[in-house]
Each structure stands twice: as structure tokens, then as C-alpha cells.
Amino acid sequence: MGNKNLLTMIPVLKESITLRQNRDNKEIYQVCVPRTNLLERFSIKFLKQPTHHSIRLDQLGSFVIGMCDGQHPVEELEKKVEDAFGQSASPVRERLLTFLSILEANGWIEWRES
């Protein structure tokens, strides 16, 4: 991302990634990631495997990924996480930035400037 201030950047969930709410707890999401490489497409077609990977998040991860809608810069996300989870999310900034880094490394989010 170069020399940009990460706190002012806005994380946006990529269009290919979908979120599915948990049946028992509507605040918990499953992230559905399409399986697109050649080997995965082969296993889907011939071995009848699922078309998506499903990753279940905890409450904090679900809260953050649900806010990756192109409306909230990282600094605002940090405040909202702190308000919603208090001390149980400490240290908020480090955990938030680590989680967003993981999302970016997996190709689930992209960044926009605020």
C-alpha cells in the first residue's frame, strides 16, 4: 500500500466473497470463498466436492468483516470494536490490524482511500 496511513484506509470485502449468517446466532458469520483454481474445479466436477470453502468466524471477526462494506475506515472500525467489545478485545488496534492483514493476505478484502 505504499506510504498511505492505514488508519484512514477503508477495507472492502471483495465481490466474490460472500457472508452467510449462522442459523443459531445471527451475529456470527461464515465466510464463503469460491474454489476457483484448476485442481479445485476438477474436484468439484468429478469428485462432487463443494464449490466454496466455508470458514466460520468468532463474534469479533464477524463484527469486523461485517463492517468491511466500504463505509468505515480502519480508525472508525477500531472505535466501534472497542465500544462493542470493551476490554475483551484488548489490544484493539493490534488485533484489528492483524485480522485485516490476514483478510488481505487471503485475498478477501481490498483497500480504498477515504
PDB file of N, CA and C in Angstrom:
ATOM      1  N   MET A   1       0.808  -1.200   0.000  1.00  0.00           N
ATOM      2  CA  MET A   1       0.000   0.000   0.000  1.00  0.00           C
ATOM      3  C   MET A   1       0.851   1.263   0.000  1.00  0.00           C
ATOM      4  N   GLY A   2       2.132   1.136   0.042  1.00  0.00           N
ATOM      5  CA  GLY A   2       2.982   2.308  -0.039  1.00  0.00           C
ATOM      6  C   GLY A   2       3.036   3.075   1.264  1.00  0.00           C
ATOM      7  N   ASN A   3       3.045   4.410   1.147  1.00  0.00           N
ATOM      8  CA  ASN A   3       3.193   5.278   2.315  1.00  0.00           C
ATOM      9  C   ASN A   3       1.872   5.818   2.821  1.00  0.00           C
ATOM     10  N   LYS A   4       0.787   5.132   2.566  1.00  0.00           N
ATOM     11  CA  LYS A   4      -0.523   5.609   2.990  1.00  0.00           C
ATOM     12  C   LYS A   4      -0.763   5.251   4.444  1.00  0.00           C
ATOM     13  N   ASN A   5      -1.550   6.077   5.127  1.00  0.00           N
ATOM     14  CA  ASN A   5      -1.898   5.835   6.522  1.00  0.00           C
ATOM     15  C   ASN A   5      -3.005   4.782   6.575  1.00  0.00           C
ATOM     16  N   LEU A   6      -2.694   3.629   7.126  1.00  0.00           N
ATOM     17  CA  LEU A   6      -3.643   2.518   7.169  1.00  0.00           C
ATOM     18  C   LEU A   6      -4.905   2.874   7.947  1.00  0.00           C
ATOM     19  N   LEU A   7      -4.785   3.726   8.959  1.00  0.00           N
ATOM     20  CA  LEU A   7      -5.946   4.078   9.777  1.00  0.00           C
ATOM     21  C   LEU A   7      -7.003   4.852   8.994  1.00  0.00           C
ATOM     22  N   THR A   8      -6.595   5.491   7.896  1.00  0.00           N
ATOM     23  CA  THR A   8      -7.557   6.242   7.091  1.00  0.00           C
ATOM     24  C   THR A   8      -8.070   5.428   5.901  1.00  0.00           C
ATOM     25  N   MET A   9      -7.512   4.251   5.686  1.00  0.00           N
ATOM     26  CA  MET A   9      -7.930   3.401   4.574  1.00  0.00           C
ATOM     27  C   MET A   9      -9.219   2.655   4.930  1.00  0.00           C
ATOM     28  N   ILE A  10      -9.971   2.293   3.894  1.00  0.00           N
ATOM     29  CA  ILE A  10     -11.261   1.622   4.077  1.00  0.00           C
ATOM     30  C   ILE A  10     -11.182   0.207   3.515  1.00  0.00           C
ATOM     31  N   PRO A  11     -11.350  -0.827   4.371  1.00  0.00           N
ATOM     32  CA  PRO A  11     -11.355  -2.195   3.859  1.00  0.00           C
ATOM     33  C   PRO A  11     -12.715  -2.533   3.234  1.00  0.00           C
ATOM     34  N   VAL A  12     -12.674  -3.213   2.079  1.00  0.00           N
ATOM     35  CA  VAL A  12     -13.896  -3.581   1.365  1.00  0.00           C
ATOM     36  C   VAL A  12     -13.815  -5.067   1.029  1.00  0.00           C
ATOM     37  N   LEU A  13     -14.843  -5.802   1.401  1.00  0.00           N
ATOM     38  CA  LEU A  13     -14.920  -7.220   1.083  1.00  0.00           C
ATOM     39  C   LEU A  13     -15.055  -7.376  -0.428  1.00  0.00           C
ATOM     40  N   LYS A  14     -14.262  -8.271  -1.008  1.00  0.00           N
ATOM     41  CA  LYS A  14     -14.324  -8.482  -2.458  1.00  0.00           C
ATOM     42  C   LYS A  14     -15.663  -9.097  -2.842  1.00  0.00           C
ATOM     43  N   GLU A  15     -16.103  -8.824  -4.058  1.00  0.00           N
ATOM     44  CA  GLU A  15     -17.417  -9.281  -4.528  1.00  0.00           C
ATOM     45  C   GLU A  15     -17.544 -10.797  -4.565  1.00  0.00           C
ATOM     46  N   SER A  16     -16.446 -11.492  -4.794  1.00  0.00           N
ATOM     47  CA  SER A  16     -16.504 -12.956  -4.891  1.00  0.00           C
ATOM     48  C   SER A  16     -16.688 -13.623  -3.526  1.00  0.00           C
ATOM     49  N   ILE A  17     -16.443 -12.888  -2.460  1.00  0.00           N
ATOM     50  CA  ILE A  17     -16.568 -13.422  -1.099  1.00  0.00           C
ATOM     51  C   ILE A  17     -17.966 -13.109  -0.583  1.00  0.00           C
ATOM     52  N   THR A  18     -18.645 -14.117  -0.063  1.00  0.00           N
ATOM     53  CA  THR A  18     -19.975 -13.897   0.499  1.00  0.00           C
ATOM     54  C   THR A  18     -19.984 -14.270   1.972  1.00  0.00           C
ATOM     55  N   LEU A  19     -20.896 -13.646   2.690  1.00  0.00           N
ATOM     56  CA  LEU A  19     -21.073 -13.923   4.118  1.00  0.00           C
ATOM     57  C   LEU A  19     -22.419 -14.594   4.322  1.00  0.00           C
ATOM     58  N   ARG A  20     -22.424 -15.596   5.160  1.00  0.00           N
ATOM     59  CA  ARG A  20     -23.658 -16.301   5.494  1.00  0.00           C
ATOM     60  C   ARG A  20     -23.825 -16.259   7.009  1.00  0.00           C
ATOM     61  N   GLN A  21     -25.005 -15.840   7.462  1.00  0.00           N
ATOM     62  CA  GLN A  21     -25.266 -15.777   8.899  1.00  0.00           C
ATOM     63  C   GLN A  21     -25.495 -17.166   9.466  1.00  0.00           C
ATOM     64  N   ASN A  22     -25.036 -17.341  10.700  1.00  0.00           N
ATOM     65  CA  ASN A  22     -25.258 -18.582  11.431  1.00  0.00           C
ATOM     66  C   ASN A  22     -26.742 -18.691  11.768  1.00  0.00           C
ATOM     67  N   ARG A  23     -27.294 -19.881  11.669  1.00  0.00           N
ATOM     68  CA  ARG A  23     -28.723 -20.070  11.965  1.00  0.00           C
ATOM     69  C   ARG A  23     -29.054 -19.779  13.424  1.00  0.00           C
ATOM     70  N   ASP A  24     -28.167 -20.197  14.322  1.00  0.00           N
ATOM     71  CA  ASP A  24     -28.435 -20.060  15.756  1.00  0.00           C
ATOM     72  C   ASP A  24     -28.119 -18.671  16.299  1.00  0.00           C
ATOM     73  N   ASN A  25     -27.107 -18.023  15.732  1.00  0.00           N
ATOM     74  CA  ASN A  25     -26.682 -16.717  16.216  1.00  0.00           C
ATOM     75  C   ASN A  25     -26.452 -15.817  15.007  1.00  0.00           C
ATOM     76  N   LYS A  26     -27.339 -14.875  14.777  1.00  0.00           N
ATOM     77  CA  LYS A  26     -27.291 -14.011  13.595  1.00  0.00           C
ATOM     78  C   LYS A  26     -26.093 -13.067  13.587  1.00  0.00           C
ATOM     79  N   GLU A  27     -25.381 -12.961  14.714  1.00  0.00           N
ATOM     80  CA  GLU A  27     -24.207 -12.092  14.778  1.00  0.00           C
ATOM     81  C   GLU A  27     -22.937 -12.798  14.316  1.00  0.00           C
ATOM     82  N   ILE A  28     -23.004 -14.103  14.089  1.00  0.00           N
ATOM     83  CA  ILE A  28     -21.849 -14.894  13.669  1.00  0.00           C
ATOM     84  C   ILE A  28     -21.970 -15.193  12.175  1.00  0.00           C
ATOM     85  N   TYR A  29     -20.872 -14.970  11.451  1.00  0.00           N
ATOM     86  CA  TYR A  29     -20.851 -15.199  10.011  1.00  0.00           C
ATOM     87  C   TYR A  29     -19.975 -16.384   9.638  1.00  0.00           C
ATOM     88  N   GLN A  30     -20.313 -16.966   8.508  1.00  0.00           N
ATOM     89  CA  GLN A  30     -19.440 -17.899   7.814  1.00  0.00           C
ATOM     90  C   GLN A  30     -19.012 -17.183   6.536  1.00  0.00           C
ATOM     91  N   VAL A  31     -17.732 -17.229   6.256  1.00  0.00           N
ATOM     92  CA  VAL A  31     -17.215 -16.641   5.032  1.00  0.00           C
ATOM     93  C   VAL A  31     -17.195 -17.739   3.978  1.00  0.00           C
ATOM     94  N   CYS A  32     -17.790 -17.475   2.836  1.00  0.00           N
ATOM     95  CA  CYS A  32     -17.846 -18.453   1.741  1.00  0.00           C
ATOM     96  C   CYS A  32     -16.901 -17.989   0.636  1.00  0.00           C
ATOM     97  N   VAL A  33     -15.842 -18.781   0.421  1.00  0.00           N
ATOM     98  CA  VAL A  33     -14.811 -18.448  -0.547  1.00  0.00           C
ATOM     99  C   VAL A  33     -14.915 -19.421  -1.719  1.00  0.00           C
ATOM    100  N   PRO A  34     -15.095 -18.902  -2.931  1.00  0.00           N
ATOM    101  CA  PRO A  34     -15.221 -19.805  -4.081  1.00  0.00           C
ATOM    102  C   PRO A  34     -13.914 -20.554  -4.351  1.00  0.00           C
ATOM    103  N   ARG A  35     -14.045 -21.782  -4.760  1.00  0.00           N
ATOM    104  CA  ARG A  35     -12.898 -22.619  -5.122  1.00  0.00           C
ATOM    105  C   ARG A  35     -12.713 -22.483  -6.637  1.00  0.00           C
ATOM    106  N   THR A  36     -11.634 -21.831  -7.055  1.00  0.00           N
ATOM    107  CA  THR A  36     -11.524 -21.452  -8.458  1.00  0.00           C
ATOM    108  C   THR A  36     -10.324 -22.010  -9.206  1.00  0.00           C
ATOM    109  N   ASN A  37      -9.307 -22.533  -8.519  1.00  0.00           N
ATOM    110  CA  ASN A  37      -8.157 -22.992  -9.292  1.00  0.00           C
ATOM    111  C   ASN A  37      -8.468 -24.299 -10.008  1.00  0.00           C
ATOM    112  N   LEU A  38      -7.605 -24.695 -10.907  1.00  0.00           N
ATOM    113  CA  LEU A  38      -7.857 -25.836 -11.788  1.00  0.00           C
ATOM    114  C   LEU A  38      -8.111 -27.133 -11.016  1.00  0.00           C
ATOM    115  N   LEU A  39      -7.286 -27.430 -10.030  1.00  0.00           N
ATOM    116  CA  LEU A  39      -7.453 -28.654  -9.250  1.00  0.00           C
ATOM    117  C   LEU A  39      -8.777 -28.647  -8.482  1.00  0.00           C
ATOM    118  N   GLU A  40      -9.121 -27.492  -7.921  1.00  0.00           N
ATOM    119  CA  GLU A  40     -10.392 -27.395  -7.190  1.00  0.00           C
ATOM    120  C   GLU A  40     -11.579 -27.569  -8.130  1.00  0.00           C
ATOM    121  N   ARG A  41     -11.530 -26.961  -9.293  1.00  0.00           N
ATOM    122  CA  ARG A  41     -12.628 -27.120 -10.250  1.00  0.00           C
ATOM    123  C   ARG A  41     -12.773 -28.576 -10.680  1.00  0.00           C
ATOM    124  N   PHE A  42     -11.648 -29.262 -10.846  1.00  0.00           N
ATOM    125  CA  PHE A  42     -11.669 -30.685 -11.179  1.00  0.00           C
ATOM    126  C   PHE A  42     -12.337 -31.485 -10.064  1.00  0.00           C
ATOM    127  N   SER A  43     -11.951 -31.206  -8.821  1.00  0.00           N
ATOM    128  CA  SER A  43     -12.525 -31.957  -7.692  1.00  0.00           C
ATOM    129  C   SER A  43     -14.010 -31.648  -7.507  1.00  0.00           C
ATOM    130  N   ILE A  44     -14.434 -30.444  -7.851  1.00  0.00           N
ATOM    131  CA  ILE A  44     -15.856 -30.092  -7.771  1.00  0.00           C
ATOM    132  C   ILE A  44     -16.642 -30.887  -8.809  1.00  0.00           C
ATOM    133  N   LYS A  45     -16.113 -30.908 -10.013  1.00  0.00           N
ATOM    134  CA  LYS A  45     -16.839 -31.545 -11.104  1.00  0.00           C
ATOM    135  C   LYS A  45     -16.858 -33.075 -10.996  1.00  0.00           C
ATOM    136  N   PHE A  46     -15.701 -33.666 -10.732  1.00  0.00           N
ATOM    137  CA  PHE A  46     -15.612 -35.122 -10.795  1.00  0.00           C
ATOM    138  C   PHE A  46     -15.733 -35.815  -9.444  1.00  0.00           C
ATOM    139  N   LEU A  47     -15.376 -35.126  -8.373  1.00  0.00           N
ATOM    140  CA  LEU A  47     -15.447 -35.737  -7.040  1.00  0.00           C
ATOM    141  C   LEU A  47     -16.610 -35.200  -6.222  1.00  0.00           C
ATOM    142  N   LYS A  48     -17.404 -34.343  -6.849  1.00  0.00           N
ATOM    143  CA  LYS A  48     -18.612 -33.785  -6.222  1.00  0.00           C
ATOM    144  C   LYS A  48     -18.316 -33.079  -4.895  1.00  0.00           C
ATOM    145  N   GLN A  49     -17.216 -32.344  -4.868  1.00  0.00           N
ATOM    146  CA  GLN A  49     -16.871 -31.579  -3.679  1.00  0.00           C
ATOM    147  C   GLN A  49     -17.575 -30.222  -3.708  1.00  0.00           C
ATOM    148  N   PRO A  50     -17.652 -29.543  -2.558  1.00  0.00           N
ATOM    149  CA  PRO A  50     -18.350 -28.245  -2.504  1.00  0.00           C
ATOM    150  C   PRO A  50     -17.689 -27.188  -3.385  1.00  0.00           C
ATOM    151  N   THR A  51     -18.494 -26.257  -3.859  1.00  0.00           N
ATOM    152  CA  THR A  51     -17.999 -25.186  -4.719  1.00  0.00           C
ATOM    153  C   THR A  51     -17.335 -24.053  -3.936  1.00  0.00           C
ATOM    154  N   HIS A  52     -17.528 -24.031  -2.624  1.00  0.00           N
ATOM    155  CA  HIS A  52     -16.975 -22.978  -1.770  1.00  0.00           C
ATOM    156  C   HIS A  52     -16.331 -23.575  -0.527  1.00  0.00           C
ATOM    157  N   HIS A  53     -15.329 -22.862  -0.020  1.00  0.00           N
ATOM    158  CA  HIS A  53     -14.803 -23.146   1.317  1.00  0.00           C
ATOM    159  C   HIS A  53     -15.651 -22.326   2.280  1.00  0.00           C
ATOM    160  N   SER A  54     -16.028 -22.894   3.401  1.00  0.00           N
ATOM    161  CA  SER A  54     -16.766 -22.147   4.421  1.00  0.00           C
ATOM    162  C   SER A  54     -15.899 -22.024   5.665  1.00  0.00           C
ATOM    163  N   ILE A  55     -15.678 -20.790   6.090  1.00  0.00           N
ATOM    164  CA  ILE A  55     -14.865 -20.509   7.265  1.00  0.00           C
ATOM    165  C   ILE A  55     -15.740 -19.799   8.282  1.00  0.00           C
ATOM    166  N   ARG A  56     -15.918 -20.418   9.447  1.00  0.00           N
ATOM    167  CA  ARG A  56     -16.746 -19.815  10.484  1.00  0.00           C
ATOM    168  C   ARG A  56     -15.888 -18.892  11.340  1.00  0.00           C
ATOM    169  N   LEU A  57     -16.370 -17.692  11.549  1.00  0.00           N
ATOM    170  CA  LEU A  57     -15.660 -16.699  12.342  1.00  0.00           C
ATOM    171  C   LEU A  57     -16.232 -16.633  13.748  1.00  0.00           C
ATOM    172  N   ASP A  58     -15.439 -16.087  14.658  1.00  0.00           N
ATOM    173  CA  ASP A  58     -15.952 -15.840  16.004  1.00  0.00           C
ATOM    174  C   ASP A  58     -16.717 -14.512  15.995  1.00  0.00           C
ATOM    175  N   GLN A  59     -17.204 -14.109  17.148  1.00  0.00           N
ATOM    176  CA  GLN A  59     -18.042 -12.913  17.220  1.00  0.00           C
ATOM    177  C   GLN A  59     -17.274 -11.649  16.833  1.00  0.00           C
ATOM    178  N   LEU A  60     -16.039 -11.528  17.269  1.00  0.00           N
ATOM    179  CA  LEU A  60     -15.235 -10.351  16.951  1.00  0.00           C
ATOM    180  C   LEU A  60     -14.916 -10.303  15.453  1.00  0.00           C
ATOM    181  N   GLY A  61     -14.487 -11.427  14.885  1.00  0.00           N
ATOM    182  CA  GLY A  61     -14.191 -11.482  13.458  1.00  0.00           C
ATOM    183  C   GLY A  61     -15.421 -11.195  12.617  1.00  0.00           C
ATOM    184  N   SER A  62     -16.562 -11.727  13.049  1.00  0.00           N
ATOM    185  CA  SER A  62     -17.819 -11.485  12.338  1.00  0.00           C
ATOM    186  C   SER A  62     -18.191 -10.015  12.369  1.00  0.00           C
ATOM    187  N   PHE A  63     -17.992  -9.387  13.517  1.00  0.00           N
ATOM    188  CA  PHE A  63     -18.294  -7.965  13.662  1.00  0.00           C
ATOM    189  C   PHE A  63     -17.454  -7.145  12.692  1.00  0.00           C
ATOM    190  N   VAL A  64     -16.146  -7.431  12.659  1.00  0.00           N
ATOM    191  CA  VAL A  64     -15.235  -6.658  11.810  1.00  0.00           C
ATOM    192  C   VAL A  64     -15.521  -6.905  10.336  1.00  0.00           C
ATOM    193  N   ILE A  65     -15.646  -8.158   9.929  1.00  0.00           N
ATOM    194  CA  ILE A  65     -15.840  -8.444   8.495  1.00  0.00           C
ATOM    195  C   ILE A  65     -17.193  -7.920   8.011  1.00  0.00           C
ATOM    196  N   GLY A  66     -18.168  -7.863   8.899  1.00  0.00           N
ATOM    197  CA  GLY A  66     -19.461  -7.295   8.547  1.00  0.00           C
ATOM    198  C   GLY A  66     -19.393  -5.797   8.299  1.00  0.00           C
ATOM    199  N   MET A  67     -18.361  -5.162   8.836  1.00  0.00           N
ATOM    200  CA  MET A  67     -18.180  -3.716   8.663  1.00  0.00           C
ATOM    201  C   MET A  67     -17.273  -3.384   7.468  1.00  0.00           C
ATOM    202  N   CYS A  68     -16.766  -4.396   6.786  1.00  0.00           N
ATOM    203  CA  CYS A  68     -15.905  -4.176   5.610  1.00  0.00           C
ATOM    204  C   CYS A  68     -16.784  -3.968   4.381  1.00  0.00           C
ATOM    205  N   ASP A  69     -17.558  -2.898   4.422  1.00  0.00           N
ATOM    206  CA  ASP A  69     -18.550  -2.632   3.384  1.00  0.00           C
ATOM    207  C   ASP A  69     -18.248  -1.374   2.575  1.00  0.00           C
ATOM    208  N   GLY A  70     -17.039  -0.833   2.757  1.00  0.00           N
ATOM    209  CA  GLY A  70     -16.665   0.367   2.017  1.00  0.00           C
ATOM    210  C   GLY A  70     -17.120   1.661   2.660  1.00  0.00           C
ATOM    211  N   GLN A  71     -17.656   1.580   3.873  1.00  0.00           N
ATOM    212  CA  GLN A  71     -18.170   2.769   4.546  1.00  0.00           C
ATOM    213  C   GLN A  71     -17.330   3.201   5.755  1.00  0.00           C
ATOM    214  N   HIS A  72     -16.493   2.291   6.263  1.00  0.00           N
ATOM    215  CA  HIS A  72     -15.822   2.536   7.551  1.00  0.00           C
ATOM    216  C   HIS A  72     -14.305   2.447   7.426  1.00  0.00           C
ATOM    217  N   PRO A  73     -13.587   3.569   7.678  1.00  0.00           N
ATOM    218  CA  PRO A  73     -12.127   3.488   7.710  1.00  0.00           C
ATOM    219  C   PRO A  73     -11.673   2.689   8.943  1.00  0.00           C
ATOM    220  N   VAL A  74     -10.434   2.235   8.914  1.00  0.00           N
ATOM    221  CA  VAL A  74      -9.897   1.401   9.987  1.00  0.00           C
ATOM    222  C   VAL A  74     -10.001   2.102  11.341  1.00  0.00           C
ATOM    223  N   GLU A  75      -9.742   3.386  11.377  1.00  0.00           N
ATOM    224  CA  GLU A  75      -9.815   4.142  12.637  1.00  0.00           C
ATOM    225  C   GLU A  75     -11.223   4.071  13.237  1.00  0.00           C
ATOM    226  N   GLU A  76     -12.240   4.171  12.404  1.00  0.00           N
ATOM    227  CA  GLU A  76     -13.622   4.064  12.867  1.00  0.00           C
ATOM    228  C   GLU A  76     -13.939   2.626  13.313  1.00  0.00           C
ATOM    229  N   LEU A  77     -13.426   1.648  12.567  1.00  0.00           N
ATOM    230  CA  LEU A  77     -13.610   0.249  12.963  1.00  0.00           C
ATOM    231  C   LEU A  77     -13.025  -0.002  14.351  1.00  0.00           C
ATOM    232  N   GLU A  78     -11.865   0.567  14.596  1.00  0.00           N
ATOM    233  CA  GLU A  78     -11.213   0.400  15.895  1.00  0.00           C
ATOM    234  C   GLU A  78     -12.117   0.912  17.024  1.00  0.00           C
ATOM    235  N   LYS A  79     -12.706   2.080  16.827  1.00  0.00           N
ATOM    236  CA  LYS A  79     -13.591   2.654  17.851  1.00  0.00           C
ATOM    237  C   LYS A  79     -14.843   1.801  18.038  1.00  0.00           C
ATOM    238  N   LYS A  80     -15.400   1.324  16.954  1.00  0.00           N
ATOM    239  CA  LYS A  80     -16.615   0.503  17.038  1.00  0.00           C
ATOM    240  C   LYS A  80     -16.343  -0.829  17.731  1.00  0.00           C
ATOM    241  N   VAL A  81     -15.203  -1.428  17.452  1.00  0.00           N
ATOM    242  CA  VAL A  81     -14.829  -2.684  18.129  1.00  0.00           C
ATOM    243  C   VAL A  81     -14.650  -2.432  19.613  1.00  0.00           C
ATOM    244  N   GLU A  82     -13.980  -1.346  19.947  1.00  0.00           N
ATOM    245  CA  GLU A  82     -13.761  -1.015  21.361  1.00  0.00           C
ATOM    246  C   GLU A  82     -15.083  -0.759  22.082  1.00  0.00           C
ATOM    247  N   ASP A  83     -16.006  -0.055  21.422  1.00  0.00           N
ATOM    248  CA  ASP A  83     -17.317   0.210  22.024  1.00  0.00           C
ATOM    249  C   ASP A  83     -18.123  -1.077  22.199  1.00  0.00           C
ATOM    250  N   ALA A  84     -18.059  -1.959  21.218  1.00  0.00           N
ATOM    251  CA  ALA A  84     -18.874  -3.175  21.243  1.00  0.00           C
ATOM    252  C   ALA A  84     -18.313  -4.256  22.165  1.00  0.00           C
ATOM    253  N   PHE A  85     -16.974  -4.363  22.248  1.00  0.00           N
ATOM    254  CA  PHE A  85     -16.376  -5.482  22.972  1.00  0.00           C
ATOM    255  C   PHE A  85     -15.586  -5.081  24.207  1.00  0.00           C
ATOM    256  N   GLY A  86     -15.282  -3.801  24.344  1.00  0.00           N
ATOM    257  CA  GLY A  86     -14.574  -3.323  25.527  1.00  0.00           C
ATOM    258  C   GLY A  86     -13.235  -4.008  25.741  1.00  0.00           C
ATOM    259  N   GLN A  87     -12.943  -4.336  26.990  1.00  0.00           N
ATOM    260  CA  GLN A  87     -11.664  -4.932  27.378  1.00  0.00           C
ATOM    261  C   GLN A  87     -11.440  -6.307  26.768  1.00  0.00           C
ATOM    262  N   SER A  88     -12.498  -7.021  26.420  1.00  0.00           N
ATOM    263  CA  SER A  88     -12.321  -8.367  25.865  1.00  0.00           C
ATOM    264  C   SER A  88     -11.634  -8.343  24.496  1.00  0.00           C
ATOM    265  N   ALA A  89     -11.571  -7.175  23.857  1.00  0.00           N
ATOM    266  CA  ALA A  89     -10.918  -7.054  22.554  1.00  0.00           C
ATOM    267  C   ALA A  89      -9.517  -6.460  22.649  1.00  0.00           C
ATOM    268  N   SER A  90      -9.051  -6.204  23.845  1.00  0.00           N
ATOM    269  CA  SER A  90      -7.728  -5.582  24.029  1.00  0.00           C
ATOM    270  C   SER A  90      -6.615  -6.523  23.617  1.00  0.00           C
ATOM    271  N   PRO A  91      -5.575  -6.013  23.049  1.00  0.00           N
ATOM    272  CA  PRO A  91      -5.355  -4.672  22.496  1.00  0.00           C
ATOM    273  C   PRO A  91      -6.052  -4.536  21.138  1.00  0.00           C
ATOM    274  N   VAL A  92      -6.972  -3.609  21.063  1.00  0.00           N
ATOM    275  CA  VAL A  92      -7.874  -3.492  19.910  1.00  0.00           C
ATOM    276  C   VAL A  92      -7.123  -3.229  18.613  1.00  0.00           C
ATOM    277  N   ARG A  93      -6.275  -2.213  18.588  1.00  0.00           N
ATOM    278  CA  ARG A  93      -5.618  -1.847  17.329  1.00  0.00           C
ATOM    279  C   ARG A  93      -4.777  -2.999  16.781  1.00  0.00           C
ATOM    280  N   GLU A  94      -3.983  -3.628  17.640  1.00  0.00           N
ATOM    281  CA  GLU A  94      -3.126  -4.724  17.184  1.00  0.00           C
ATOM    282  C   GLU A  94      -3.945  -5.892  16.652  1.00  0.00           C
ATOM    283  N   ARG A  95      -5.006  -6.260  17.374  1.00  0.00           N
ATOM    284  CA  ARG A  95      -5.845  -7.375  16.930  1.00  0.00           C
ATOM    285  C   ARG A  95      -6.559  -7.043  15.625  1.00  0.00           C
ATOM    286  N   LEU A  96      -7.069  -5.824  15.519  1.00  0.00           N
ATOM    287  CA  LEU A  96      -7.777  -5.404  14.313  1.00  0.00           C
ATOM    288  C   LEU A  96      -6.849  -5.404  13.103  1.00  0.00           C
ATOM    289  N   LEU A  97      -5.670  -4.815  13.254  1.00  0.00           N
ATOM    290  CA  LEU A  97      -4.732  -4.749  12.135  1.00  0.00           C
ATOM    291  C   LEU A  97      -4.238  -6.140  11.738  1.00  0.00           C
ATOM    292  N   THR A  98      -4.030  -7.014  12.705  1.00  0.00           N
ATOM    293  CA  THR A  98      -3.625  -8.382  12.398  1.00  0.00           C
ATOM    294  C   THR A  98      -4.726  -9.104  11.632  1.00  0.00           C
ATOM    295  N   PHE A  99      -5.966  -8.968  12.085  1.00  0.00           N
ATOM    296  CA  PHE A  99      -7.086  -9.613  11.412  1.00  0.00           C
ATOM    297  C   PHE A  99      -7.247  -9.089   9.993  1.00  0.00           C
ATOM    298  N   LEU A 100      -7.167  -7.770   9.813  1.00  0.00           N
ATOM    299  CA  LEU A 100      -7.288  -7.189   8.472  1.00  0.00           C
ATOM    300  C   LEU A 100      -6.135  -7.634   7.577  1.00  0.00           C
ATOM    301  N   SER A 101      -4.946  -7.794   8.146  1.00  0.00           N
ATOM    302  CA  SER A 101      -3.804  -8.294   7.373  1.00  0.00           C
ATOM    303  C   SER A 101      -4.050  -9.717   6.899  1.00  0.00           C
ATOM    304  N   ILE A 102      -4.645 -10.538   7.750  1.00  0.00           N
ATOM    305  CA  ILE A 102      -4.976 -11.912   7.374  1.00  0.00           C
ATOM    306  C   ILE A 102      -6.018 -11.921   6.261  1.00  0.00           C
ATOM    307  N   LEU A 103      -7.039 -11.063   6.391  1.00  0.00           N
ATOM    308  CA  LEU A 103      -8.058 -10.974   5.339  1.00  0.00           C
ATOM    309  C   LEU A 103      -7.429 -10.558   4.010  1.00  0.00           C
ATOM    310  N   GLU A 104      -6.520  -9.592   4.063  1.00  0.00           N
ATOM    311  CA  GLU A 104      -5.854  -9.128   2.849  1.00  0.00           C
ATOM    312  C   GLU A 104      -4.957 -10.226   2.266  1.00  0.00           C
ATOM    313  N   ALA A 105      -4.218 -10.929   3.108  1.00  0.00           N
ATOM    314  CA  ALA A 105      -3.325 -11.989   2.640  1.00  0.00           C
ATOM    315  C   ALA A 105      -4.103 -13.116   1.967  1.00  0.00           C
ATOM    316  N   ASN A 106      -5.325 -13.365   2.430  1.00  0.00           N
ATOM    317  CA  ASN A 106      -6.168 -14.395   1.829  1.00  0.00           C
ATOM    318  C   ASN A 106      -6.917 -13.893   0.598  1.00  0.00           C
ATOM    319  N   GLY A 107      -6.782 -12.610   0.289  1.00  0.00           N
ATOM    320  CA  GLY A 107      -7.429 -12.049  -0.891  1.00  0.00           C
ATOM    321  C   GLY A 107      -8.920 -11.804  -0.707  1.00  0.00           C
ATOM    322  N   TRP A 108      -9.356 -11.597   0.516  1.00  0.00           N
ATOM    323  CA  TRP A 108     -10.779 -11.412   0.796  1.00  0.00           C
ATOM    324  C   TRP A 108     -11.194  -9.952   0.795  1.00  0.00           C
ATOM    325  N   ILE A 109     -10.250  -9.036   1.029  1.00  0.00           N
ATOM    326  CA  ILE A 109     -10.567  -7.604   1.042  1.00  0.00           C
ATOM    327  C   ILE A 109      -9.641  -6.860   0.107  1.00  0.00           C
ATOM    328  N   GLU A 110     -10.093  -5.666  -0.258  1.00  0.00           N
ATOM    329  CA  GLU A 110      -9.258  -4.719  -0.977  1.00  0.00           C
ATOM    330  C   GLU A 110      -9.376  -3.391  -0.233  1.00  0.00           C
ATOM    331  N   TRP A 111      -8.486  -2.470  -0.553  1.00  0.00           N
ATOM    332  CA  TRP A 111      -8.443  -1.201   0.176  1.00  0.00           C
ATOM    333  C   TRP A 111      -8.855  -0.049  -0.709  1.00  0.00           C
ATOM    334  N   ARG A 112      -9.582   0.877  -0.111  1.00  0.00           N
ATOM    335  CA  ARG A 112      -9.946   2.133  -0.773  1.00  0.00           C
ATOM    336  C   ARG A 112      -9.480   3.278   0.109  1.00  0.00           C
ATOM    337  N   GLU A 113      -9.232   4.404  -0.521  1.00  0.00           N
ATOM    338  CA  GLU A 113      -8.852   5.592   0.239  1.00  0.00           C
ATOM    339  C   GLU A 113     -10.110   6.311   0.702  1.00  0.00           C
ATOM    340  N   SER A 114     -10.006   6.901   1.898  1.00  0.00           N
ATOM    341  CA  SER A 114     -11.182   7.639   2.413  1.00  0.00           C
ATOM    342  C   SER A 114     -11.189   9.051   1.901  1.00  0.00           C
TER     343      SER A 114
END
